[in-house]
C-alpha atoms as a PDB file:
ATOM      1  CA  MET A   1      50.522 -23.161  -3.433  1.00  0.00           C
ATOM      2  CA  ILE A   2      52.082 -24.313  -0.170  1.00  0.00           C
ATOM      3  CA  ALA A   3      50.618 -27.223   1.808  1.00  0.00           C
ATOM      4  CA  SER A   4      48.963 -26.256   5.081  1.00  0.00           C
ATOM      5  CA  GLU A   5      51.277 -28.423   7.175  1.00  0.00           C
ATOM      6  CA  GLU A   6      54.381 -26.889   5.594  1.00  0.00           C
ATOM      7  CA  LEU A   7      52.984 -23.380   6.111  1.00  0.00           C
ATOM      8  CA  MET A   8      52.203 -24.178   9.746  1.00  0.00           C
ATOM      9  CA  ARG A   9      55.781 -25.357  10.305  1.00  0.00           C
ATOM     10  CA  MET A  10      57.188 -22.215   8.653  1.00  0.00           C
ATOM     11  CA  ILE A  11      55.036 -20.060  10.925  1.00  0.00           C
ATOM     12  CA  VAL A  12      56.124 -21.930  14.054  1.00  0.00           C
ATOM     13  CA  HIS A  13      59.773 -21.582  13.002  1.00  0.00           C
ATOM     14  CA  VAL A  14      59.478 -17.796  12.584  1.00  0.00           C
ATOM     15  CA  LEU A  15      57.696 -17.406  15.929  1.00  0.00           C
ATOM     16  CA  GLU A  16      60.333 -19.525  17.673  1.00  0.00           C
ATOM     17  CA  GLN A  17      63.146 -17.487  16.099  1.00  0.00           C
ATOM     18  CA  HIS A  18      61.624 -14.270  17.443  1.00  0.00           C
ATOM     19  CA  LYS A  19      61.078 -15.599  20.971  1.00  0.00           C
ATOM     20  CA  GLY A  20      57.375 -16.357  20.743  1.00  0.00           C
ATOM     21  CA  GLU A  21      56.359 -18.106  23.939  1.00  0.00           C
ATOM     22  CA  ASP A  22      54.186 -21.141  24.690  1.00  0.00           C
ATOM     23  CA  ILE A  23      53.551 -21.961  21.019  1.00  0.00           C
ATOM     24  CA  THR A  24      50.664 -24.378  20.575  1.00  0.00           C
ATOM     25  CA  VAL A  25      49.370 -25.830  17.317  1.00  0.00           C
ATOM     26  CA  LEU A  26      45.833 -27.176  17.093  1.00  0.00           C
ATOM     27  CA  ASP A  27      44.866 -29.456  14.205  1.00  0.00           C
ATOM     28  CA  LEU A  28      41.310 -28.510  13.245  1.00  0.00           C
ATOM     29  CA  ARG A  29      41.004 -30.568  10.057  1.00  0.00           C
ATOM     30  CA  GLU A  30      38.516 -32.999  11.613  1.00  0.00           C
ATOM     31  CA  LEU A  31      36.481 -30.249  13.301  1.00  0.00           C
ATOM     32  CA  THR A  32      35.946 -27.533  10.692  1.00  0.00           C
ATOM     33  CA  TYR A  33      36.390 -26.816   7.018  1.00  0.00           C
ATOM     34  CA  VAL A  34      37.284 -23.162   7.628  1.00  0.00           C
ATOM     35  CA  THR A  35      40.977 -23.722   8.409  1.00  0.00           C
ATOM     36  CA  ASP A  36      43.369 -26.615   8.991  1.00  0.00           C
ATOM     37  CA  PHE A  37      45.468 -25.298  11.886  1.00  0.00           C
ATOM     38  CA  PHE A  38      45.475 -22.701  14.629  1.00  0.00           C
ATOM     39  CA  VAL A  39      48.921 -21.568  15.732  1.00  0.00           C
ATOM     40  CA  ILE A  40      48.601 -19.927  19.148  1.00  0.00           C
ATOM     41  CA  CYS A  41      51.488 -18.003  20.652  1.00  0.00           C
ATOM     42  CA  SER A  42      52.179 -15.536  23.445  1.00  0.00           C
ATOM     43  CA  GLY A  43      54.352 -12.460  23.492  1.00  0.00           C
ATOM     44  CA  ARG A  44      55.709 -10.925  26.677  1.00  0.00           C
ATOM     45  CA  SER A  45      54.012  -7.558  26.124  1.00  0.00           C
ATOM     46  CA  GLU A  46      51.871  -5.658  23.617  1.00  0.00           C
ATOM     47  CA  VAL A  47      55.076  -4.458  21.940  1.00  0.00           C
ATOM     48  CA  HIS A  48      56.375  -8.028  21.663  1.00  0.00           C
ATOM     49  CA  VAL A  49      53.003  -9.247  20.292  1.00  0.00           C
ATOM     50  CA  ASP A  50      53.136  -6.548  17.605  1.00  0.00           C
ATOM     51  CA  ALA A  51      56.769  -7.350  16.785  1.00  0.00           C
ATOM     52  CA  LEU A  52      55.979 -11.069  16.406  1.00  0.00           C
ATOM     53  CA  ALA A  53      53.138 -10.287  14.002  1.00  0.00           C
ATOM     54  CA  GLU A  54      55.309  -7.868  11.988  1.00  0.00           C
ATOM     55  CA  GLU A  55      58.191 -10.335  11.719  1.00  0.00           C
ATOM     56  CA  LEU A  56      55.862 -13.156  10.721  1.00  0.00           C
ATOM     57  CA  GLU A  57      54.286 -11.070   7.964  1.00  0.00           C
ATOM     58  CA  PHE A  58      57.707  -9.905   6.769  1.00  0.00           C
ATOM     59  CA  GLU A  59      59.268 -13.386   6.662  1.00  0.00           C
ATOM     60  CA  LEU A  60      56.304 -14.984   4.908  1.00  0.00           C
ATOM     61  CA  LYS A  61      56.075 -12.165   2.340  1.00  0.00           C
ATOM     62  CA  LYS A  62      59.696 -12.884   1.420  1.00  0.00           C
ATOM     63  CA  ASN A  63      58.444 -16.323   0.390  1.00  0.00           C
ATOM     64  CA  GLY A  64      55.466 -14.937  -1.538  1.00  0.00           C
ATOM     65  CA  ILE A  65      52.960 -15.791   1.201  1.00  0.00           C
ATOM     66  CA  PHE A  66      50.533 -13.023   2.139  1.00  0.00           C
ATOM     67  CA  ALA A  67      47.929 -12.878   4.892  1.00  0.00           C
ATOM     68  CA  TRP A  68      44.328 -12.905   3.737  1.00  0.00           C
ATOM     69  CA  GLY A  69      43.512 -10.681   6.670  1.00  0.00           C
ATOM     70  CA  VAL A  70      45.009  -9.212   9.837  1.00  0.00           C
ATOM     71  CA  GLU A  71      42.988  -8.115  12.860  1.00  0.00           C
ATOM     72  CA  GLY A  72      43.842  -6.557  16.202  1.00  0.00           C
ATOM     73  CA  LYS A  73      46.983  -4.580  15.440  1.00  0.00           C
ATOM     74  CA  ARG A  74      45.591  -1.556  17.250  1.00  0.00           C
ATOM     75  CA  GLY A  75      44.344  -3.419  20.316  1.00  0.00           C
ATOM     76  CA  GLY A  76      47.596  -5.048  21.314  1.00  0.00           C
ATOM     77  CA  ARG A  77      46.216  -7.983  23.385  1.00  0.00           C
ATOM     78  CA  TRP A  78      45.480 -10.247  20.422  1.00  0.00           C
ATOM     79  CA  ILE A  79      46.577 -10.144  16.813  1.00  0.00           C
ATOM     80  CA  LEU A  80      45.050 -12.594  14.347  1.00  0.00           C
ATOM     81  CA  LEU A  81      46.756 -13.336  11.025  1.00  0.00           C
ATOM     82  CA  ASP A  82      44.689 -15.371   8.574  1.00  0.00           C
ATOM     83  CA  TYR A  83      46.717 -17.364   6.063  1.00  0.00           C
ATOM     84  CA  GLY A  84      43.737 -19.405   4.903  1.00  0.00           C
ATOM     85  CA  SER A  85      44.677 -22.923   5.890  1.00  0.00           C
ATOM     86  CA  VAL A  86      46.539 -21.632   8.960  1.00  0.00           C
ATOM     87  CA  VAL A  87      45.232 -18.972  11.339  1.00  0.00           C
ATOM     88  CA  VAL A  88      47.758 -17.447  13.734  1.00  0.00           C
ATOM     89  CA  HIS A  89      46.730 -16.014  17.108  1.00  0.00           C
ATOM     90  CA  ILE A  90      49.353 -13.968  18.964  1.00  0.00           C
ATOM     91  CA  PHE A  91      48.362 -12.909  22.475  1.00  0.00           C
ATOM     92  CA  THR A  92      49.645 -11.096  25.490  1.00  0.00           C
ATOM     93  CA  PRO A  93      49.613 -13.501  28.461  1.00  0.00           C
ATOM     94  CA  GLU A  94      46.485 -11.790  29.822  1.00  0.00           C
ATOM     95  CA  GLY A  95      44.709 -11.900  26.475  1.00  0.00           C
ATOM     96  CA  ARG A  96      45.504 -15.563  26.045  1.00  0.00           C
ATOM     97  CA  MET A  97      44.066 -16.426  29.458  1.00  0.00           C
ATOM     98  CA  PHE A  98      40.956 -14.337  28.789  1.00  0.00           C
ATOM     99  CA  PHE A  99      40.125 -15.787  25.354  1.00  0.00           C
ATOM    100  CA  ASP A 100      41.355 -19.314  26.216  1.00  0.00           C
ATOM    101  CA  LEU A 101      41.219 -20.734  22.681  1.00  0.00           C
ATOM    102  CA  GLU A 102      42.782 -23.996  23.800  1.00  0.00           C
ATOM    103  CA  ARG A 103      39.767 -24.619  26.045  1.00  0.00           C
ATOM    104  CA  ILE A 104      37.245 -23.559  23.405  1.00  0.00           C
ATOM    105  CA  TRP A 105      38.873 -25.860  20.830  1.00  0.00           C
ATOM    106  CA  ASN A 106      39.681 -28.617  23.351  1.00  0.00           C
ATOM    107  CA  GLN A 107      38.539 -31.345  20.923  1.00  0.00           C
ATOM    108  CA  ALA A 108      41.300 -30.418  18.485  1.00  0.00           C
ATOM    109  CA  LYS A 109      44.417 -32.563  18.323  1.00  0.00           C
ATOM    110  CA  ARG A 110      47.585 -30.870  19.491  1.00  0.00           C
ATOM    111  CA  VAL A 111      50.474 -31.033  17.056  1.00  0.00           C
ATOM    112  CA  GLU A 112      53.949 -31.752  18.406  1.00  0.00           C
ATOM    113  CA  ILE A 113      56.343 -29.045  17.260  1.00  0.00           C
END
């Protein structure tokens, strides 16, 4: 089993490699027991959002890491990938502004990446 911090860093690396934009990591360990980190990222378009999610799933599967659940692949504005201790949110710019997770979880510590 991979440590949540190591998984978070792997996820950030994959998103950076595939031109994910404005990547933010929120440390939720002191706020909830549901997950340790949110990784929030933007894609330039619905196609880019989908491609980021596909590449992330592909790269992690190569390392034996599978998502517990994936939501939003048909909507395009927001795809959520649940890896248990790390939940990944990939948005279009408009979707990210609308849902504004950084504001909702403003008590979370931001992780330098």
